[in-house]
N, C-alpha and C. Protein backbone atom coordinates (compact mmCIF):
# COMPACT_ATOMS: atom_id res chain seq x y z
N MET A 1 67.04 213.24 -15.99
CA MET A 1 66.76 214.57 -15.50
C MET A 1 67.94 215.51 -15.76
N TRP A 2 69.16 214.97 -15.62
CA TRP A 2 70.35 215.81 -15.82
C TRP A 2 70.41 216.30 -17.25
N PHE A 3 69.92 215.48 -18.18
CA PHE A 3 69.94 215.87 -19.59
C PHE A 3 69.00 217.05 -19.83
N LEU A 4 67.82 217.01 -19.22
CA LEU A 4 66.85 218.11 -19.35
C LEU A 4 67.42 219.39 -18.76
N PHE A 5 67.98 219.29 -17.55
CA PHE A 5 68.58 220.48 -16.93
C PHE A 5 69.75 221.01 -17.76
N GLY A 6 70.53 220.12 -18.35
CA GLY A 6 71.63 220.53 -19.21
C GLY A 6 71.15 221.29 -20.43
N LEU A 7 70.09 220.79 -21.06
CA LEU A 7 69.52 221.50 -22.21
C LEU A 7 68.96 222.87 -21.81
N LEU A 8 68.32 222.93 -20.66
CA LEU A 8 67.80 224.21 -20.18
C LEU A 8 68.94 225.18 -19.86
N ALA A 9 70.04 224.66 -19.32
CA ALA A 9 71.21 225.51 -19.04
C ALA A 9 71.79 226.08 -20.33
N ILE A 10 71.89 225.24 -21.36
CA ILE A 10 72.41 225.70 -22.65
C ILE A 10 71.48 226.74 -23.25
N THR A 11 70.17 226.50 -23.19
CA THR A 11 69.19 227.43 -23.73
C THR A 11 69.24 228.78 -23.00
N ALA A 12 69.30 228.72 -21.68
CA ALA A 12 69.34 229.96 -20.90
C ALA A 12 70.64 230.73 -21.15
N THR A 13 71.75 230.02 -21.31
CA THR A 13 73.01 230.68 -21.61
C THR A 13 72.97 231.33 -22.98
N GLY A 14 72.38 230.64 -23.95
CA GLY A 14 72.21 231.24 -25.28
C GLY A 14 71.34 232.48 -25.22
N ALA A 15 70.25 232.40 -24.44
CA ALA A 15 69.38 233.57 -24.28
C ALA A 15 70.13 234.71 -23.60
N ASN A 16 70.96 234.39 -22.63
CA ASN A 16 71.77 235.40 -21.94
C ASN A 16 72.65 236.15 -22.93
N LEU A 17 73.37 235.41 -23.75
CA LEU A 17 74.26 236.04 -24.73
C LEU A 17 73.49 236.81 -25.79
N PHE A 18 72.34 236.27 -26.22
CA PHE A 18 71.51 236.95 -27.21
C PHE A 18 70.96 238.26 -26.65
N LEU A 19 70.45 238.21 -25.42
CA LEU A 19 69.90 239.43 -24.81
C LEU A 19 70.98 240.49 -24.62
N TYR A 20 72.17 240.07 -24.24
CA TYR A 20 73.26 241.04 -24.11
C TYR A 20 73.60 241.65 -25.46
N ALA A 21 73.67 240.82 -26.49
CA ALA A 21 74.02 241.31 -27.82
C ALA A 21 72.99 242.29 -28.36
N THR A 22 71.73 242.11 -27.98
CA THR A 22 70.68 243.01 -28.46
C THR A 22 70.46 244.19 -27.53
N GLY A 23 71.23 244.26 -26.44
CA GLY A 23 71.16 245.41 -25.54
C GLY A 23 70.02 245.35 -24.55
N LYS A 24 69.45 244.18 -24.32
CA LYS A 24 68.35 244.03 -23.37
C LYS A 24 68.88 243.51 -22.04
N ASP A 25 67.99 243.52 -21.04
CA ASP A 25 68.39 243.05 -19.71
C ASP A 25 68.61 241.54 -19.74
N TYR A 26 69.80 241.11 -19.42
CA TYR A 26 70.21 239.72 -19.55
C TYR A 26 70.37 239.02 -18.20
N ARG A 27 70.19 239.74 -17.11
CA ARG A 27 70.53 239.20 -15.79
C ARG A 27 69.69 238.00 -15.38
N LEU A 28 68.40 237.99 -15.72
CA LEU A 28 67.56 236.83 -15.38
C LEU A 28 68.03 235.60 -16.15
N ALA A 29 68.33 235.76 -17.42
CA ALA A 29 68.81 234.63 -18.22
C ALA A 29 70.15 234.14 -17.68
N MET A 30 71.00 235.05 -17.22
CA MET A 30 72.29 234.66 -16.65
C MET A 30 72.07 233.84 -15.38
N ALA A 31 71.16 234.30 -14.53
CA ALA A 31 70.88 233.57 -13.29
C ALA A 31 70.27 232.20 -13.60
N LEU A 32 69.40 232.15 -14.60
CA LEU A 32 68.81 230.86 -14.98
C LEU A 32 69.87 229.92 -15.54
N GLY A 33 70.76 230.43 -16.36
CA GLY A 33 71.82 229.59 -16.92
C GLY A 33 72.70 228.99 -15.84
N LEU A 34 73.09 229.80 -14.88
CA LEU A 34 73.93 229.29 -13.79
C LEU A 34 73.15 228.36 -12.88
N SER A 35 71.87 228.66 -12.65
CA SER A 35 71.04 227.80 -11.80
C SER A 35 70.81 226.44 -12.44
N PHE A 36 70.51 226.43 -13.73
CA PHE A 36 70.31 225.14 -14.40
C PHE A 36 71.62 224.35 -14.49
N THR A 37 72.74 225.03 -14.56
CA THR A 37 74.02 224.34 -14.52
C THR A 37 74.20 223.64 -13.17
N ALA A 38 73.87 224.34 -12.10
CA ALA A 38 73.95 223.73 -10.76
C ALA A 38 72.98 222.56 -10.62
N LEU A 39 71.77 222.71 -11.16
CA LEU A 39 70.80 221.62 -11.10
C LEU A 39 71.25 220.42 -11.92
N THR A 40 71.93 220.66 -13.02
CA THR A 40 72.47 219.57 -13.83
C THR A 40 73.48 218.77 -13.03
N ILE A 41 74.36 219.46 -12.33
CA ILE A 41 75.37 218.78 -11.52
C ILE A 41 74.71 218.00 -10.38
N ALA A 42 73.71 218.60 -9.73
CA ALA A 42 73.01 217.91 -8.64
C ALA A 42 72.27 216.67 -9.15
N ALA A 43 71.63 216.78 -10.31
CA ALA A 43 70.92 215.64 -10.87
C ALA A 43 71.89 214.53 -11.26
N ASP A 44 73.04 214.90 -11.80
CA ASP A 44 74.05 213.91 -12.16
C ASP A 44 74.57 213.22 -10.91
N TYR A 45 74.79 213.96 -9.87
CA TYR A 45 75.25 213.38 -8.61
C TYR A 45 74.21 212.41 -8.05
N SER A 46 72.93 212.75 -8.18
CA SER A 46 71.86 211.86 -7.73
C SER A 46 71.85 210.57 -8.53
N MET A 47 72.11 210.67 -9.83
CA MET A 47 72.16 209.49 -10.68
C MET A 47 73.30 208.57 -10.22
N VAL A 48 74.45 209.14 -9.95
CA VAL A 48 75.59 208.35 -9.48
C VAL A 48 75.27 207.74 -8.12
N ALA A 49 74.61 208.47 -7.25
CA ALA A 49 74.24 207.95 -5.94
C ALA A 49 73.29 206.76 -6.08
N SER A 50 72.39 206.82 -7.05
CA SER A 50 71.47 205.69 -7.24
C SER A 50 72.23 204.46 -7.74
N TRP A 51 73.27 204.66 -8.54
CA TRP A 51 74.09 203.53 -8.97
C TRP A 51 74.85 202.92 -7.79
N VAL A 52 75.29 203.75 -6.88
CA VAL A 52 75.98 203.25 -5.69
C VAL A 52 75.02 202.44 -4.83
N ARG A 53 73.79 202.97 -4.63
CA ARG A 53 72.80 202.23 -3.84
C ARG A 53 72.46 200.88 -4.47
N ALA A 54 72.43 200.85 -5.81
CA ALA A 54 72.14 199.62 -6.53
C ALA A 54 73.37 198.73 -6.68
N GLU A 55 74.50 199.23 -6.23
CA GLU A 55 75.79 198.53 -6.33
C GLU A 55 76.10 198.15 -7.78
N ASP A 56 75.84 199.09 -8.68
CA ASP A 56 76.12 198.91 -10.10
C ASP A 56 77.53 199.42 -10.39
N TRP A 57 78.51 198.64 -9.98
CA TRP A 57 79.90 199.07 -10.05
C TRP A 57 80.38 199.22 -11.49
N SER A 58 79.85 198.42 -12.39
CA SER A 58 80.30 198.54 -13.78
C SER A 58 79.85 199.87 -14.39
N ALA A 59 78.65 200.32 -14.05
CA ALA A 59 78.19 201.62 -14.55
C ALA A 59 79.07 202.74 -13.98
N LEU A 60 79.38 202.62 -12.71
CA LEU A 60 80.24 203.63 -12.08
C LEU A 60 81.63 203.65 -12.73
N ALA A 61 82.19 202.48 -12.95
CA ALA A 61 83.54 202.41 -13.52
C ALA A 61 83.58 202.90 -14.97
N ASP A 62 82.51 202.66 -15.71
CA ASP A 62 82.48 203.05 -17.12
C ASP A 62 82.16 204.52 -17.33
N VAL A 63 81.24 205.04 -16.55
CA VAL A 63 80.67 206.36 -16.85
C VAL A 63 81.27 207.49 -16.02
N VAL A 64 81.52 207.25 -14.76
CA VAL A 64 81.90 208.35 -13.86
C VAL A 64 83.19 209.06 -14.27
N PRO A 65 84.25 208.37 -14.68
CA PRO A 65 85.46 209.12 -15.06
C PRO A 65 85.22 210.09 -16.23
N ILE A 66 84.44 209.67 -17.19
CA ILE A 66 84.14 210.54 -18.34
C ILE A 66 83.22 211.68 -17.93
N ILE A 67 82.19 211.36 -17.15
CA ILE A 67 81.23 212.39 -16.72
C ILE A 67 81.92 213.42 -15.83
N ALA A 68 82.82 212.98 -14.97
CA ALA A 68 83.51 213.93 -14.07
C ALA A 68 84.29 214.96 -14.88
N THR A 69 85.02 214.49 -15.87
CA THR A 69 85.78 215.42 -16.72
C THR A 69 84.86 216.34 -17.49
N ALA A 70 83.81 215.76 -18.07
CA ALA A 70 82.86 216.56 -18.85
C ALA A 70 82.17 217.61 -17.98
N LEU A 71 81.79 217.24 -16.76
CA LEU A 71 81.12 218.20 -15.88
C LEU A 71 82.05 219.36 -15.51
N TRP A 72 83.31 219.07 -15.25
CA TRP A 72 84.26 220.15 -14.96
C TRP A 72 84.38 221.11 -16.13
N ILE A 73 84.59 220.56 -17.31
CA ILE A 73 84.78 221.40 -18.50
C ILE A 73 83.52 222.19 -18.80
N LEU A 74 82.36 221.53 -18.80
CA LEU A 74 81.11 222.22 -19.14
C LEU A 74 80.69 223.23 -18.08
N THR A 75 80.98 222.95 -16.82
CA THR A 75 80.65 223.91 -15.76
C THR A 75 81.51 225.17 -15.88
N ILE A 76 82.80 224.98 -16.11
CA ILE A 76 83.68 226.15 -16.29
C ILE A 76 83.26 226.94 -17.52
N LEU A 77 82.93 226.25 -18.60
CA LEU A 77 82.47 226.93 -19.81
C LEU A 77 81.16 227.69 -19.55
N SER A 78 80.25 227.07 -18.82
CA SER A 78 78.98 227.74 -18.49
C SER A 78 79.21 229.00 -17.67
N ILE A 79 80.07 228.90 -16.69
CA ILE A 79 80.35 230.08 -15.85
C ILE A 79 80.96 231.20 -16.69
N LEU A 80 81.94 230.85 -17.52
CA LEU A 80 82.59 231.88 -18.34
C LEU A 80 81.62 232.51 -19.33
N LEU A 81 80.79 231.69 -19.99
CA LEU A 81 79.83 232.24 -20.95
C LEU A 81 78.77 233.09 -20.27
N ASN A 82 78.31 232.66 -19.10
CA ASN A 82 77.25 233.40 -18.42
C ASN A 82 77.73 234.71 -17.81
N ILE A 83 79.00 234.76 -17.38
CA ILE A 83 79.47 236.02 -16.80
C ILE A 83 80.15 236.92 -17.82
N SER A 84 80.34 236.43 -19.04
CA SER A 84 81.00 237.27 -20.05
C SER A 84 80.27 238.59 -20.31
N PRO A 85 78.93 238.64 -20.34
CA PRO A 85 78.30 239.96 -20.49
C PRO A 85 78.64 240.91 -19.34
N LEU A 86 78.72 240.39 -18.13
CA LEU A 86 79.09 241.25 -17.00
C LEU A 86 80.51 241.78 -17.16
N LEU A 87 81.42 240.90 -17.58
CA LEU A 87 82.80 241.33 -17.76
C LEU A 87 82.93 242.33 -18.90
N LEU A 88 82.21 242.09 -19.99
CA LEU A 88 82.25 243.03 -21.12
C LEU A 88 81.65 244.38 -20.74
N GLU A 89 80.56 244.33 -19.99
CA GLU A 89 79.93 245.57 -19.54
C GLU A 89 80.87 246.34 -18.61
N TYR A 90 81.52 245.64 -17.71
CA TYR A 90 82.48 246.26 -16.80
C TYR A 90 83.64 246.88 -17.57
N LYS A 91 84.13 246.15 -18.58
CA LYS A 91 85.23 246.65 -19.39
C LYS A 91 84.82 247.90 -20.14
N ASN A 92 83.60 247.94 -20.68
CA ASN A 92 83.12 249.11 -21.41
C ASN A 92 82.93 250.31 -20.51
N THR A 93 82.52 250.10 -19.26
CA THR A 93 82.36 251.23 -18.34
C THR A 93 83.70 251.78 -17.90
N GLN A 94 84.72 250.93 -17.86
CA GLN A 94 86.06 251.38 -17.46
C GLN A 94 86.70 252.24 -18.53
N LYS A 95 86.33 252.04 -19.79
CA LYS A 95 86.91 252.82 -20.89
C LYS A 95 86.35 254.25 -20.93
N ARG A 96 85.20 254.46 -20.39
CA ARG A 96 84.56 255.78 -20.46
C ARG A 96 85.15 256.76 -19.52
């Protein structure tokens, strides 16, 4: 499930940037990108919780350190990419 939400987050973020570049309303795509990013993290956390319930310690030891780092990096990247149109718009209004 986390993989599907991750793909949807990437797609929505791409749509956000495309809509901003074409001068259309991008706010819904921005909200969807950030929402799917949050759902990706929640789904990943649920996957880890199921491994804990199953006492699959080898899966936890092998996967969690890498996933934790990847989630931090990708979440920060998602936030920056999704809010970049807002920041650019703000910067352009300040120049006027």
